[in-house]
Amino acid sequence: MLKVAVIGLGDISSIHLEAIEENPDAMLVAVCDREEARKNIVPSIPFYTDYLEMLAKEELDCVHICLPHYLHYPVTKACVEHGIHVFQEKPLALNSEEGFKFVKLAEENPMVKICICFQNRFNETFEKLQEITNTNKYGNILHIKGLVTWERPKSYYDEKPWRGKLAYAGGGVMMNQSIHTLDLMQLLGGEISSIRGNIAQLLDYGIETEDTASARIQFANGATGFFFATIANGNNSSVELQVIFEKQKLTIKDSKLTMQNDRGEKIEIEEDAKLSGSKFYYGASHRKLIRKFYRAIIENSEDYVHVIDAFPSIKIIDSIVQSSKLNKEIVLNTKVEK
């Protein structure tokens, strides 16, 4: 049985703790958070305020990192240097420069696994959409649309100021709310050849990070893409991912994958498992990916989301920001050039 710890007991940690608790392959043996007040979140489990002390004292197989973005690299690096496998929340890094450091870290420590939490890759609707795409049943992809229209009040940033600071968050709506959508778009469309984007602040929150972003994407295979994300909406609307093939249009919305029949009627193909409670928009696939990663550790397989898999999303975000600043199309290569 894997001995597991969690570093960071903020909002997302509850999803991880529940997944660990229900998994027969793992046992939670320690938790860490710099706020002493969170000690009772997981009663009767050793609690640390210093993660380095925890790494030194506990015998651990895997650590879940649920920390603010600026702490991802230093804490993951410390775990890897202790020979401990890491399940790290998104994003991979603050920017492409730090993303390269992660790639180097993974390459220099091949016996230690680092999994990045892109759990939406394992939503039932997306898995089915990928399966259909790979069969070429409806021809080539012509266009991909990704929409994320959510709401975040000013208190979201007031309560945790790091979210609105570039040095700590790396970005705003793209890093925090819509990086999963960008990840899925590039998985479907493949290598991106160029991108034209724009970022903005539609809300008067006094933050450094963008609250709205849009982009026109040109894929190397000739397909195009359109991406739009904002937290200036009136509520957390369903994320939409739509793929237009040569012979059909498939859409993921409201946790359902649909297509149209000859009469223009929606036909449901697949539906996602749902997460109950107010954080339903996280999706229910954390547990699937965590389970997959634990099996990869136990069986020493490569079946998980590697650092190199998560790198393109960071490169895309950097390119959208650069395009907005320069007001021009950016030619890019989302692969890691060695």
C-alpha atoms as a PDB file:
ATOM      1  CA  MET A   1       0.000   0.000   0.000  1.00  0.00           C
ATOM      2  CA  LEU A   2       1.288   3.444  -0.943  1.00  0.00           C
ATOM      3  CA  LYS A   3       2.044   5.876   1.860  1.00  0.00           C
ATOM      4  CA  VAL A   4       0.646   9.221   0.733  1.00  0.00           C
ATOM      5  CA  ALA A   5       0.791  12.811   2.006  1.00  0.00           C
ATOM      6  CA  VAL A   6      -0.893  16.060   0.955  1.00  0.00           C
ATOM      7  CA  ILE A   7       0.846  19.431   0.974  1.00  0.00           C
ATOM      8  CA  GLY A   8      -1.632  22.316   0.948  1.00  0.00           C
ATOM      9  CA  LEU A   9      -5.083  22.040   2.529  1.00  0.00           C
ATOM     10  CA  GLY A  10      -6.871  24.741   0.533  1.00  0.00           C
ATOM     11  CA  ASP A  11     -10.022  24.467  -1.596  1.00  0.00           C
ATOM     12  CA  ILE A  12      -8.933  21.731  -4.002  1.00  0.00           C
ATOM     13  CA  SER A  13      -7.403  19.488  -1.342  1.00  0.00           C
ATOM     14  CA  SER A  14     -10.789  18.059  -0.314  1.00  0.00           C
ATOM     15  CA  ILE A  15     -11.082  16.373  -3.714  1.00  0.00           C
ATOM     16  CA  HIS A  16      -7.666  14.786  -3.256  1.00  0.00           C
ATOM     17  CA  LEU A  17      -8.306  13.714   0.337  1.00  0.00           C
ATOM     18  CA  GLU A  18     -11.561  11.991  -0.636  1.00  0.00           C
ATOM     19  CA  ALA A  19      -9.857  10.206  -3.532  1.00  0.00           C
ATOM     20  CA  ILE A  20      -7.041   8.984  -1.272  1.00  0.00           C
ATOM     21  CA  GLU A  21      -9.475   7.816   1.398  1.00  0.00           C
ATOM     22  CA  GLU A  22     -11.498   5.682  -0.994  1.00  0.00           C
ATOM     23  CA  ASN A  23      -8.515   4.186  -2.822  1.00  0.00           C
ATOM     24  CA  PRO A  24      -7.508   0.696  -1.627  1.00  0.00           C
ATOM     25  CA  ASP A  25      -3.958   1.182  -2.942  1.00  0.00           C
ATOM     26  CA  ALA A  26      -3.165   4.173  -0.730  1.00  0.00           C
ATOM     27  CA  MET A  27      -3.068   5.300   2.880  1.00  0.00           C
ATOM     28  CA  LEU A  28      -2.891   8.930   3.991  1.00  0.00           C
ATOM     29  CA  VAL A  29      -0.057   9.164   6.532  1.00  0.00           C
ATOM     30  CA  ALA A  30       0.608  12.937   6.783  1.00  0.00           C
ATOM     31  CA  VAL A  31      -0.635  16.371   5.765  1.00  0.00           C
ATOM     32  CA  CYS A  32       1.073  19.752   5.621  1.00  0.00           C
ATOM     33  CA  ASP A  33      -0.126  23.349   5.576  1.00  0.00           C
ATOM     34  CA  ARG A  34       1.526  26.493   6.843  1.00  0.00           C
ATOM     35  CA  GLU A  35      -1.729  27.542   8.551  1.00  0.00           C
ATOM     36  CA  GLU A  36      -1.967  25.834  11.934  1.00  0.00           C
ATOM     37  CA  ALA A  37      -5.739  26.436  11.941  1.00  0.00           C
ATOM     38  CA  ARG A  38      -6.146  23.751   9.257  1.00  0.00           C
ATOM     39  CA  LYS A  39      -4.789  21.069  11.541  1.00  0.00           C
ATOM     40  CA  ASN A  40      -8.255  19.683  12.241  1.00  0.00           C
ATOM     41  CA  ILE A  41      -9.215  19.238   8.583  1.00  0.00           C
ATOM     42  CA  VAL A  42      -7.800  15.723   8.799  1.00  0.00           C
ATOM     43  CA  PRO A  43      -7.905  14.744  12.480  1.00  0.00           C
ATOM     44  CA  SER A  44      -5.634  12.029  13.890  1.00  0.00           C
ATOM     45  CA  ILE A  45      -3.184  12.349  10.967  1.00  0.00           C
ATOM     46  CA  PRO A  46       0.314  13.799  11.601  1.00  0.00           C
ATOM     47  CA  PHE A  47       0.196  17.496  10.693  1.00  0.00           C
ATOM     48  CA  TYR A  48       3.172  19.623   9.641  1.00  0.00           C
ATOM     49  CA  THR A  49       3.592  23.314   8.898  1.00  0.00           C
ATOM     50  CA  ASP A  50       7.000  22.729   7.243  1.00  0.00           C
ATOM     51  CA  TYR A  51       6.957  20.429   4.229  1.00  0.00           C
ATOM     52  CA  LEU A  52      10.709  19.854   4.402  1.00  0.00           C
ATOM     53  CA  GLU A  53      10.321  18.542   7.945  1.00  0.00           C
ATOM     54  CA  MET A  54       7.545  16.231   6.757  1.00  0.00           C
ATOM     55  CA  LEU A  55       9.648  14.907   3.865  1.00  0.00           C
ATOM     56  CA  ALA A  56      12.529  14.218   6.235  1.00  0.00           C
ATOM     57  CA  LYS A  57      10.505  12.497   8.956  1.00  0.00           C
ATOM     58  CA  GLU A  58       7.862  10.514   7.064  1.00  0.00           C
ATOM     59  CA  GLU A  59       8.411   7.493   4.828  1.00  0.00           C
ATOM     60  CA  LEU A  60       6.423   8.510   1.774  1.00  0.00           C
ATOM     61  CA  ASP A  61       5.746   6.975  -1.621  1.00  0.00           C
ATOM     62  CA  CYS A  62       3.686   9.807  -3.096  1.00  0.00           C
ATOM     63  CA  VAL A  63       2.887  13.429  -2.267  1.00  0.00           C
ATOM     64  CA  HIS A  64      -0.089  15.410  -3.574  1.00  0.00           C
ATOM     65  CA  ILE A  65       0.780  19.081  -4.108  1.00  0.00           C
ATOM     66  CA  CYS A  66      -2.238  21.374  -3.770  1.00  0.00           C
ATOM     67  CA  LEU A  67      -0.440  24.687  -3.410  1.00  0.00           C
ATOM     68  CA  PRO A  68      -0.469  28.150  -5.035  1.00  0.00           C
ATOM     69  CA  HIS A  69       1.183  28.106  -8.429  1.00  0.00           C
ATOM     70  CA  TYR A  70       4.451  29.770  -7.411  1.00  0.00           C
ATOM     71  CA  LEU A  71       5.149  26.937  -4.981  1.00  0.00           C
ATOM     72  CA  HIS A  72       4.650  24.111  -7.495  1.00  0.00           C
ATOM     73  CA  TYR A  73       8.222  23.944  -8.741  1.00  0.00           C
ATOM     74  CA  PRO A  74      10.200  24.319  -5.487  1.00  0.00           C
ATOM     75  CA  VAL A  75       7.996  21.878  -3.570  1.00  0.00           C
ATOM     76  CA  THR A  76       7.836  19.330  -6.395  1.00  0.00           C
ATOM     77  CA  LYS A  77      11.615  19.590  -6.760  1.00  0.00           C
ATOM     78  CA  ALA A  78      12.101  18.918  -3.039  1.00  0.00           C
ATOM     79  CA  CYS A  79       9.843  15.848  -3.197  1.00  0.00           C
ATOM     80  CA  VAL A  80      11.622  14.482  -6.270  1.00  0.00           C
ATOM     81  CA  GLU A  81      15.016  14.994  -4.645  1.00  0.00           C
ATOM     82  CA  HIS A  82      13.752  12.870  -1.747  1.00  0.00           C
ATOM     83  CA  GLY A  83      12.806  10.140  -4.258  1.00  0.00           C
ATOM     84  CA  ILE A  84       9.069  10.673  -3.701  1.00  0.00           C
ATOM     85  CA  HIS A  85       6.555  10.470  -6.556  1.00  0.00           C
ATOM     86  CA  VAL A  86       4.463  13.614  -7.078  1.00  0.00           C
ATOM     87  CA  PHE A  87       0.842  14.225  -8.035  1.00  0.00           C
ATOM     88  CA  GLN A  88       0.789  17.966  -8.720  1.00  0.00           C
ATOM     89  CA  GLU A  89      -2.241  20.142  -9.294  1.00  0.00           C
ATOM     90  CA  LYS A  90      -2.344  22.269 -12.435  1.00  0.00           C
ATOM     91  CA  PRO A  91      -0.805  24.373 -13.820  1.00  0.00           C
ATOM     92  CA  LEU A  92       2.532  22.775 -14.549  1.00  0.00           C
ATOM     93  CA  ALA A  93       4.407  26.030 -14.033  1.00  0.00           C
ATOM     94  CA  LEU A  94       4.159  29.821 -13.928  1.00  0.00           C
ATOM     95  CA  ASN A  95       5.484  30.160 -17.484  1.00  0.00           C
ATOM     96  CA  SER A  96       7.441  28.363 -20.193  1.00  0.00           C
ATOM     97  CA  GLU A  97      10.796  29.174 -18.587  1.00  0.00           C
ATOM     98  CA  GLU A  98       9.777  27.403 -15.394  1.00  0.00           C
ATOM     99  CA  GLY A  99       8.141  24.704 -17.505  1.00  0.00           C
ATOM    100  CA  PHE A 100      11.591  23.883 -18.963  1.00  0.00           C
ATOM    101  CA  LYS A 101      12.896  23.477 -15.416  1.00  0.00           C
ATOM    102  CA  PHE A 102      10.183  20.900 -14.777  1.00  0.00           C
ATOM    103  CA  VAL A 103      11.117  19.045 -17.960  1.00  0.00           C
ATOM    104  CA  LYS A 104      14.762  18.973 -16.890  1.00  0.00           C
ATOM    105  CA  LEU A 105      13.784  17.845 -13.385  1.00  0.00           C
ATOM    106  CA  ALA A 106      11.791  14.933 -14.804  1.00  0.00           C
ATOM    107  CA  GLU A 107      14.570  13.966 -17.234  1.00  0.00           C
ATOM    108  CA  GLU A 108      17.230  13.996 -14.509  1.00  0.00           C
ATOM    109  CA  ASN A 109      15.106  11.864 -12.168  1.00  0.00           C
ATOM    110  CA  PRO A 110      13.652   9.120 -14.391  1.00  0.00           C
ATOM    111  CA  MET A 111      12.875   6.821 -11.454  1.00  0.00           C
ATOM    112  CA  VAL A 112      10.558   9.383  -9.871  1.00  0.00           C
ATOM    113  CA  LYS A 113       7.165   9.994 -11.473  1.00  0.00           C
ATOM    114  CA  ILE A 114       5.569  13.443 -11.690  1.00  0.00           C
ATOM    115  CA  CYS A 115       1.898  13.500 -12.695  1.00  0.00           C
ATOM    116  CA  ILE A 116       0.207  16.802 -13.542  1.00  0.00           C
ATOM    117  CA  CYS A 117      -3.481  16.976 -12.714  1.00  0.00           C
ATOM    118  CA  PHE A 118      -5.207  17.405 -16.074  1.00  0.00           C
ATOM    119  CA  GLN A 119      -8.132  15.287 -14.931  1.00  0.00           C
ATOM    120  CA  ASN A 120     -10.542  16.511 -17.613  1.00  0.00           C
ATOM    121  CA  ARG A 121      -8.671  14.374 -20.124  1.00  0.00           C
ATOM    122  CA  PHE A 122     -10.405  11.465 -18.403  1.00  0.00           C
ATOM    123  CA  ASN A 123     -13.949  12.807 -18.426  1.00  0.00           C
ATOM    124  CA  GLU A 124     -16.167  10.224 -20.099  1.00  0.00           C
ATOM    125  CA  THR A 125     -17.355  12.739 -22.712  1.00  0.00           C
ATOM    126  CA  PHE A 126     -13.835  13.706 -23.748  1.00  0.00           C
ATOM    127  CA  GLU A 127     -12.601  10.133 -23.835  1.00  0.00           C
ATOM    128  CA  LYS A 128     -15.493   9.301 -26.186  1.00  0.00           C
ATOM    129  CA  LEU A 129     -14.817  12.396 -28.316  1.00  0.00           C
ATOM    130  CA  GLN A 130     -11.156  11.380 -28.638  1.00  0.00           C
ATOM    131  CA  GLU A 131     -12.184   7.852 -29.574  1.00  0.00           C
ATOM    132  CA  ILE A 132     -14.490   9.150 -32.323  1.00  0.00           C
ATOM    133  CA  THR A 133     -11.817  11.558 -33.548  1.00  0.00           C
ATOM    134  CA  ASN A 134      -9.248   8.780 -33.825  1.00  0.00           C
ATOM    135  CA  THR A 135     -11.533   6.607 -35.965  1.00  0.00           C
ATOM    136  CA  ASN A 136     -11.808   9.393 -38.567  1.00  0.00           C
ATOM    137  CA  LYS A 137     -15.465   8.362 -38.856  1.00  0.00           C
ATOM    138  CA  TYR A 138     -16.573  11.900 -39.679  1.00  0.00           C
ATOM    139  CA  GLY A 139     -13.471  12.972 -41.542  1.00  0.00           C
ATOM    140  CA  ASN A 140     -10.808  15.422 -40.498  1.00  0.00           C
ATOM    141  CA  ILE A 141     -11.238  18.133 -37.879  1.00  0.00           C
ATOM    142  CA  LEU A 142     -11.933  21.520 -39.433  1.00  0.00           C
ATOM    143  CA  HIS A 143     -12.475  23.660 -36.342  1.00  0.00           C
ATOM    144  CA  ILE A 144     -12.361  23.448 -32.526  1.00  0.00           C
ATOM    145  CA  LYS A 145     -14.141  25.861 -30.197  1.00  0.00           C
ATOM    146  CA  GLY A 146     -13.503  26.141 -26.466  1.00  0.00           C
ATOM    147  CA  LEU A 147     -15.578  28.417 -24.203  1.00  0.00           C
ATOM    148  CA  VAL A 148     -15.271  29.029 -20.463  1.00  0.00           C
ATOM    149  CA  THR A 149     -17.632  31.693 -19.106  1.00  0.00           C
ATOM    150  CA  TRP A 150     -17.479  31.750 -15.326  1.00  0.00           C
ATOM    151  CA  GLU A 151     -17.901  34.191 -12.469  1.00  0.00           C
ATOM    152  CA  ARG A 152     -15.409  35.140  -9.774  1.00  0.00           C
ATOM    153  CA  PRO A 153     -16.245  37.935  -7.309  1.00  0.00           C
ATOM    154  CA  LYS A 154     -13.649  40.401  -6.061  1.00  0.00           C
ATOM    155  CA  SER A 155     -13.597  38.502  -2.774  1.00  0.00           C
ATOM    156  CA  TYR A 156     -12.011  35.576  -4.656  1.00  0.00           C
ATOM    157  CA  TYR A 157      -8.857  37.683  -4.959  1.00  0.00           C
ATOM    158  CA  ASP A 158      -9.208  39.551  -1.663  1.00  0.00           C
ATOM    159  CA  GLU A 159      -9.268  36.288   0.294  1.00  0.00           C
ATOM    160  CA  LYS A 160      -6.206  34.913  -1.525  1.00  0.00           C
ATOM    161  CA  PRO A 161      -4.279  37.870  -3.020  1.00  0.00           C
ATOM    162  CA  TRP A 162      -1.699  35.619  -4.736  1.00  0.00           C
ATOM    163  CA  ARG A 163      -4.350  34.761  -7.346  1.00  0.00           C
ATOM    164  CA  GLY A 164      -4.212  38.277  -8.758  1.00  0.00           C
ATOM    165  CA  LYS A 165      -0.429  38.666  -8.834  1.00  0.00           C
ATOM    166  CA  LEU A 166       1.558  37.565 -11.886  1.00  0.00           C
ATOM    167  CA  ALA A 167       4.631  36.576  -9.882  1.00  0.00           C
ATOM    168  CA  TYR A 168       2.576  34.147  -7.797  1.00  0.00           C
ATOM    169  CA  ALA A 169      -0.183  32.958 -10.162  1.00  0.00           C
ATOM    170  CA  GLY A 170       1.507  33.207 -13.568  1.00  0.00           C
ATOM    171  CA  GLY A 171      -1.781  34.348 -15.087  1.00  0.00           C
ATOM    172  CA  GLY A 172      -5.459  34.772 -14.413  1.00  0.00           C
ATOM    173  CA  VAL A 173      -8.440  33.192 -16.119  1.00  0.00           C
ATOM    174  CA  MET A 174      -6.208  31.128 -18.414  1.00  0.00           C
ATOM    175  CA  MET A 175      -4.050  29.652 -15.637  1.00  0.00           C
ATOM    176  CA  ASN A 176      -6.771  29.260 -13.032  1.00  0.00           C
ATOM    177  CA  GLN A 177     -10.030  28.532 -14.819  1.00  0.00           C
ATOM    178  CA  SER A 178      -9.488  27.564 -18.460  1.00  0.00           C
ATOM    179  CA  ILE A 179      -6.112  25.820 -18.758  1.00  0.00           C
ATOM    180  CA  HIS A 180      -7.973  22.489 -18.927  1.00  0.00           C
ATOM    181  CA  THR A 181      -9.891  23.674 -22.000  1.00  0.00           C
ATOM    182  CA  LEU A 182      -6.691  24.777 -23.738  1.00  0.00           C
ATOM    183  CA  ASP A 183      -5.162  21.410 -22.905  1.00  0.00           C
ATOM    184  CA  LEU A 184      -8.084  19.507 -24.435  1.00  0.00           C
ATOM    185  CA  MET A 185      -8.109  21.692 -27.545  1.00  0.00           C
ATOM    186  CA  GLN A 186      -4.439  21.001 -28.277  1.00  0.00           C
ATOM    187  CA  LEU A 187      -4.915  17.285 -27.577  1.00  0.00           C
ATOM    188  CA  LEU A 188      -7.605  17.133 -30.249  1.00  0.00           C
ATOM    189  CA  GLY A 189      -6.074  19.536 -32.759  1.00  0.00           C
ATOM    190  CA  GLY A 190      -2.439  18.525 -32.432  1.00  0.00           C
ATOM    191  CA  GLU A 191       0.571  20.728 -32.989  1.00  0.00           C
ATOM    192  CA  ILE A 192      -0.191  24.459 -33.133  1.00  0.00           C
ATOM    193  CA  SER A 193       1.608  26.501 -35.790  1.00  0.00           C
ATOM    194  CA  SER A 194       0.449  29.997 -34.816  1.00  0.00           C
ATOM    195  CA  ILE A 195      -1.855  31.876 -32.489  1.00  0.00           C
ATOM    196  CA  ARG A 196      -3.367  35.356 -32.317  1.00  0.00           C
ATOM    197  CA  GLY A 197      -4.696  36.305 -28.902  1.00  0.00           C
ATOM    198  CA  ASN A 198      -5.910  39.058 -26.653  1.00  0.00           C
ATOM    199  CA  ILE A 199      -6.090  39.435 -22.876  1.00  0.00           C
ATOM    200  CA  ALA A 200      -8.052  42.028 -20.937  1.00  0.00           C
ATOM    201  CA  GLN A 201      -9.374  43.130 -17.569  1.00  0.00           C
ATOM    202  CA  LEU A 202     -13.093  43.745 -17.845  1.00  0.00           C
ATOM    203  CA  LEU A 203     -13.565  43.823 -14.084  1.00  0.00           C
ATOM    204  CA  ASP A 204     -12.347  46.624 -11.843  1.00  0.00           C
ATOM    205  CA  TYR A 205     -10.659  44.341  -9.316  1.00  0.00           C
ATOM    206  CA  GLY A 206      -7.270  46.039  -9.150  1.00  0.00           C
ATOM    207  CA  ILE A 207      -5.400  42.826  -9.983  1.00  0.00           C
ATOM    208  CA  GLU A 208      -2.440  42.200 -12.304  1.00  0.00           C
ATOM    209  CA  THR A 209      -3.765  39.064 -13.982  1.00  0.00           C
ATOM    210  CA  GLU A 210      -6.202  38.892 -16.879  1.00  0.00           C
ATOM    211  CA  ASP A 211      -9.878  38.168 -16.236  1.00  0.00           C
ATOM    212  CA  THR A 212     -10.741  37.644 -19.922  1.00  0.00           C
ATOM    213  CA  ALA A 213      -8.847  36.063 -22.810  1.00  0.00           C
ATOM    214  CA  SER A 214      -9.529  35.087 -26.408  1.00  0.00           C
ATOM    215  CA  ALA A 215      -7.514  33.494 -29.176  1.00  0.00           C
ATOM    216  CA  ARG A 216      -7.633  32.362 -32.782  1.00  0.00           C
ATOM    217  CA  ILE A 217      -5.561  29.202 -33.224  1.00  0.00           C
ATOM    218  CA  GLN A 218      -4.034  27.757 -36.377  1.00  0.00           C
ATOM    219  CA  PHE A 219      -3.170  24.078 -36.091  1.00  0.00           C
ATOM    220  CA  ALA A 220      -0.370  22.581 -38.170  1.00  0.00           C
ATOM    221  CA  ASN A 221      -2.785  20.142 -39.829  1.00  0.00           C
ATOM    222  CA  GLY A 222      -4.862  22.996 -41.271  1.00  0.00           C
ATOM    223  CA  ALA A 223      -7.629  23.039 -38.675  1.00  0.00           C
ATOM    224  CA  THR A 224      -8.491  26.256 -36.849  1.00  0.00           C
ATOM    225  CA  GLY A 225      -9.559  26.959 -33.293  1.00  0.00           C
ATOM    226  CA  PHE A 226     -11.324  29.637 -31.294  1.00  0.00           C
ATOM    227  CA  PHE A 227     -10.860  30.037 -27.538  1.00  0.00           C
ATOM    228  CA  PHE A 228     -12.656  32.383 -25.175  1.00  0.00           C
ATOM    229  CA  ALA A 229     -12.552  32.517 -21.392  1.00  0.00           C
ATOM    230  CA  THR A 230     -13.756  34.999 -18.793  1.00  0.00           C
ATOM    231  CA  ILE A 231     -14.638  35.295 -15.121  1.00  0.00           C
ATOM    232  CA  ALA A 232     -16.796  38.376 -15.865  1.00  0.00           C
ATOM    233  CA  ASN A 233     -19.880  36.254 -16.541  1.00  0.00           C
ATOM    234  CA  GLY A 234     -22.932  36.332 -14.272  1.00  0.00           C
ATOM    235  CA  ASN A 235     -22.535  32.712 -13.192  1.00  0.00           C
ATOM    236  CA  ASN A 236     -20.454  29.572 -13.757  1.00  0.00           C
ATOM    237  CA  SER A 237     -21.885  28.453 -17.072  1.00  0.00           C
ATOM    238  CA  SER A 238     -21.052  25.073 -18.534  1.00  0.00           C
ATOM    239  CA  VAL A 239     -17.720  24.768 -20.276  1.00  0.00           C
ATOM    240  CA  GLU A 240     -18.258  24.126 -23.989  1.00  0.00           C
ATOM    241  CA  LEU A 241     -15.942  22.202 -26.291  1.00  0.00           C
ATOM    242  CA  GLN A 242     -17.090  21.795 -29.869  1.00  0.00           C
ATOM    243  CA  VAL A 243     -15.416  19.991 -32.758  1.00  0.00           C
ATOM    244  CA  ILE A 244     -16.509  20.507 -36.347  1.00  0.00           C
ATOM    245  CA  PHE A 245     -15.531  17.599 -38.563  1.00  0.00           C
ATOM    246  CA  GLU A 246     -15.914  17.376 -42.330  1.00  0.00           C
ATOM    247  CA  LYS A 247     -19.125  15.371 -41.905  1.00  0.00           C
ATOM    248  CA  GLN A 248     -20.415  16.116 -38.404  1.00  0.00           C
ATOM    249  CA  LYS A 249     -20.368  18.464 -35.415  1.00  0.00           C
ATOM    250  CA  LEU A 250     -19.856  17.118 -31.883  1.00  0.00           C
ATOM    251  CA  THR A 251     -20.297  19.218 -28.755  1.00  0.00           C
ATOM    252  CA  ILE A 252     -19.495  18.744 -25.077  1.00  0.00           C
ATOM    253  CA  LYS A 253     -21.728  20.958 -22.942  1.00  0.00           C
ATOM    254  CA  ASP A 254     -23.555  20.477 -19.642  1.00  0.00           C
ATOM    255  CA  SER A 255     -21.383  17.382 -19.105  1.00  0.00           C
ATOM    256  CA  LYS A 256     -22.860  15.678 -22.169  1.00  0.00           C
ATOM    257  CA  LEU A 257     -21.425  14.830 -25.581  1.00  0.00           C
ATOM    258  CA  THR A 258     -23.980  15.342 -28.340  1.00  0.00           C
ATOM    259  CA  MET A 259     -24.255  15.311 -32.113  1.00  0.00           C
ATOM    260  CA  GLN A 260     -27.040  16.114 -34.551  1.00  0.00           C
ATOM    261  CA  ASN A 261     -29.003  13.630 -36.637  1.00  0.00           C
ATOM    262  CA  ASP A 262     -30.260  14.228 -40.171  1.00  0.00           C
ATOM    263  CA  ARG A 263     -33.262  16.136 -38.790  1.00  0.00           C
ATOM    264  CA  GLY A 264     -31.102  18.500 -36.760  1.00  0.00           C
ATOM    265  CA  GLU A 265     -32.064  16.887 -33.454  1.00  0.00           C
ATOM    266  CA  LYS A 266     -29.516  16.513 -30.653  1.00  0.00           C
ATOM    267  CA  ILE A 267     -28.446  12.954 -29.986  1.00  0.00           C
ATOM    268  CA  GLU A 268     -26.706  12.259 -26.673  1.00  0.00           C
ATOM    269  CA  ILE A 269     -23.650  10.050 -27.052  1.00  0.00           C
ATOM    270  CA  GLU A 270     -22.017  10.134 -23.607  1.00  0.00           C
ATOM    271  CA  GLU A 271     -22.408  11.780 -20.206  1.00  0.00           C
ATOM    272  CA  ASP A 272     -19.834  12.573 -17.534  1.00  0.00           C
ATOM    273  CA  ALA A 273     -19.905  11.308 -14.001  1.00  0.00           C
ATOM    274  CA  LYS A 274     -20.862  14.271 -11.835  1.00  0.00           C
ATOM    275  CA  LEU A 275     -19.273  15.749  -8.741  1.00  0.00           C
ATOM    276  CA  SER A 276     -21.810  16.737  -6.100  1.00  0.00           C
ATOM    277  CA  GLY A 277     -21.689  19.997  -4.150  1.00  0.00           C
ATOM    278  CA  SER A 278     -20.787  23.587  -4.933  1.00  0.00           C
ATOM    279  CA  LYS A 279     -17.503  22.668  -6.652  1.00  0.00           C
ATOM    280  CA  PHE A 280     -19.227  20.610  -9.343  1.00  0.00           C
ATOM    281  CA  TYR A 281     -17.281  22.446 -12.056  1.00  0.00           C
ATOM    282  CA  TYR A 282     -14.061  20.694 -10.966  1.00  0.00           C
ATOM    283  CA  GLY A 283     -15.466  17.586 -12.667  1.00  0.00           C
ATOM    284  CA  ALA A 284     -15.392  14.066 -11.249  1.00  0.00           C
ATOM    285  CA  SER A 285     -12.251  12.712 -12.905  1.00  0.00           C
ATOM    286  CA  HIS A 286      -9.676  13.572 -10.244  1.00  0.00           C
ATOM    287  CA  ARG A 287     -10.293  10.147  -8.765  1.00  0.00           C
ATOM    288  CA  LYS A 288      -9.789   8.429 -12.105  1.00  0.00           C
ATOM    289  CA  LEU A 289      -6.445  10.116 -12.700  1.00  0.00           C
ATOM    290  CA  ILE A 290      -5.277   9.595  -9.111  1.00  0.00           C
ATOM    291  CA  ARG A 291      -6.180   5.921  -9.363  1.00  0.00           C
ATOM    292  CA  LYS A 292      -4.324   5.683 -12.685  1.00  0.00           C
ATOM    293  CA  PHE A 293      -1.239   7.341 -11.185  1.00  0.00           C
ATOM    294  CA  TYR A 294      -1.169   5.052  -8.171  1.00  0.00           C
ATOM    295  CA  ARG A 295      -1.309   2.022 -10.467  1.00  0.00           C
ATOM    296  CA  ALA A 296       1.532   3.518 -12.541  1.00  0.00           C
ATOM    297  CA  ILE A 297       3.641   3.776  -9.376  1.00  0.00           C
ATOM    298  CA  ILE A 298       2.811   0.245  -8.244  1.00  0.00           C
ATOM    299  CA  GLU A 299       3.284  -1.329 -11.681  1.00  0.00           C
ATOM    300  CA  ASN A 300       6.073   1.053 -12.769  1.00  0.00           C
ATOM    301  CA  SER A 301       4.189   2.034 -15.911  1.00  0.00           C
ATOM    302  CA  GLU A 302       4.163   5.313 -17.837  1.00  0.00           C
ATOM    303  CA  ASP A 303       0.373   5.585 -17.999  1.00  0.00           C
ATOM    304  CA  TYR A 304      -0.257   9.037 -16.502  1.00  0.00           C
ATOM    305  CA  VAL A 305      -0.040  12.736 -17.455  1.00  0.00           C
ATOM    306  CA  HIS A 306       3.676  13.501 -17.629  1.00  0.00           C
ATOM    307  CA  VAL A 307       5.380  16.876 -17.309  1.00  0.00           C
ATOM    308  CA  ILE A 308       6.031  16.851 -21.055  1.00  0.00           C
ATOM    309  CA  ASP A 309       2.294  16.324 -21.679  1.00  0.00           C
ATOM    310  CA  ALA A 310       1.403  19.409 -19.640  1.00  0.00           C
ATOM    311  CA  PHE A 311       3.997  21.703 -21.220  1.00  0.00           C
ATOM    312  CA  PRO A 312       1.966  22.740 -24.332  1.00  0.00           C
ATOM    313  CA  SER A 313      -0.756  24.425 -22.257  1.00  0.00           C
ATOM    314  CA  ILE A 314       1.833  26.719 -20.650  1.00  0.00           C
ATOM    315  CA  LYS A 315       3.402  27.550 -24.014  1.00  0.00           C
ATOM    316  CA  ILE A 316      -0.044  28.394 -25.433  1.00  0.00           C
ATOM    317  CA  ILE A 317      -0.837  30.755 -22.551  1.00  0.00           C
ATOM    318  CA  ASP A 318       2.536  32.480 -22.898  1.00  0.00           C
ATOM    319  CA  SER A 319       1.919  32.917 -26.629  1.00  0.00           C
ATOM    320  CA  ILE A 320      -1.555  34.413 -26.114  1.00  0.00           C
ATOM    321  CA  VAL A 321      -0.100  36.919 -23.648  1.00  0.00           C
ATOM    322  CA  GLN A 322       2.774  37.756 -26.014  1.00  0.00           C
ATOM    323  CA  SER A 323       0.383  38.138 -28.963  1.00  0.00           C
ATOM    324  CA  SER A 324      -1.790  40.520 -26.976  1.00  0.00           C
ATOM    325  CA  LYS A 325       1.190  42.639 -25.930  1.00  0.00           C
ATOM    326  CA  LEU A 326       2.671  42.805 -29.432  1.00  0.00           C
ATOM    327  CA  ASN A 327      -0.696  42.925 -31.207  1.00  0.00           C
ATOM    328  CA  LYS A 328       0.374  40.334 -33.760  1.00  0.00           C
ATOM    329  CA  GLU A 329       0.188  36.638 -34.573  1.00  0.00           C
ATOM    330  CA  ILE A 330       2.751  34.474 -32.806  1.00  0.00           C
ATOM    331  CA  VAL A 331       4.402  31.531 -34.543  1.00  0.00           C
ATOM    332  CA  LEU A 332       5.106  28.812 -32.003  1.00  0.00           C
ATOM    333  CA  ASN A 333       6.123  25.256 -31.406  1.00  0.00           C
ATOM    334  CA  THR A 334       4.411  23.683 -28.404  1.00  0.00           C
ATOM    335  CA  LYS A 335       6.927  20.848 -28.301  1.00  0.00           C
ATOM    336  CA  VAL A 336       9.918  21.057 -25.994  1.00  0.00           C
ATOM    337  CA  GLU A 337      12.980  21.784 -28.090  1.00  0.00           C
ATOM    338  CA  LYS A 338      16.026  20.032 -26.622  1.00  0.00           C
END
